[in-house]
Amino acid sequence: MWANWVNVIVGIWLIISPFVVKSASGIQWNNIIFGIVVAVLAYYATTQKK
């Protein structure tokens, strides 16, 4: 279960990192969209009952 929370944190970092690192706009949008997908799917996996 803790691995899912790590994935949520990684997804949040992907969303924040383009603003911290000041990357190019194409890479910035890729990181934001991919970060949202990773964070949402990891949170969904964390909240599922087994």
Protein backbone atom coordinates (compact mmCIF):
# COMPACT_ATOMS: atom_id res chain seq x y z
CA MET A 1 0.00 0.00 0.00
CA TRP A 2 2.80 2.43 0.72
CA ALA A 3 4.01 2.09 -2.88
CA ASN A 4 0.74 3.58 -4.13
CA TRP A 5 1.26 6.64 -1.93
CA VAL A 6 4.79 6.99 -3.31
CA ASN A 7 3.27 6.99 -6.80
CA VAL A 8 0.83 9.73 -5.75
CA ILE A 9 3.80 11.82 -4.56
CA VAL A 10 5.68 11.14 -7.82
CA GLY A 11 2.62 12.26 -9.80
CA ILE A 12 2.42 15.46 -7.78
CA TRP A 13 6.13 16.06 -8.36
CA LEU A 14 5.60 15.64 -12.11
CA ILE A 15 2.94 18.34 -11.95
CA ILE A 16 5.13 20.74 -9.95
CA SER A 17 8.55 20.05 -11.53
CA PRO A 18 8.17 22.07 -14.76
CA PHE A 19 7.65 25.21 -12.70
CA VAL A 20 10.60 24.46 -10.42
CA VAL A 21 13.02 23.46 -13.19
CA LYS A 22 11.70 25.96 -15.81
CA SER A 23 11.49 23.46 -18.69
CA ALA A 24 10.29 24.07 -22.25
CA SER A 25 6.55 24.45 -22.80
CA GLY A 26 6.10 21.16 -24.69
CA ILE A 27 7.81 19.21 -21.96
CA GLN A 28 5.94 21.22 -19.35
CA TRP A 29 2.51 20.18 -20.62
CA ASN A 30 3.63 16.58 -21.00
CA ASN A 31 4.75 16.48 -17.36
CA ILE A 32 1.57 18.14 -16.11
CA ILE A 33 -0.78 15.81 -17.97
CA PHE A 34 1.23 12.68 -17.19
CA GLY A 35 1.52 13.75 -13.54
CA ILE A 36 -2.24 14.16 -13.25
CA VAL A 37 -2.79 10.72 -14.75
CA VAL A 38 -0.23 9.07 -12.46
CA ALA A 39 -1.51 10.81 -9.32
CA VAL A 40 -5.17 10.06 -10.02
CA LEU A 41 -4.60 6.40 -10.91
CA ALA A 42 -2.33 5.85 -7.91
CA TYR A 43 -4.84 7.48 -5.58
CA TYR A 44 -7.60 5.35 -7.08
CA ALA A 45 -5.50 2.21 -6.53
CA THR A 46 -4.87 3.27 -2.94
CA THR A 47 -8.54 3.74 -2.12
CA GLN A 48 -9.71 0.40 -3.57
CA LYS A 49 -10.62 -2.33 -1.11
CA LYS A 50 -9.17 -5.75 -1.73
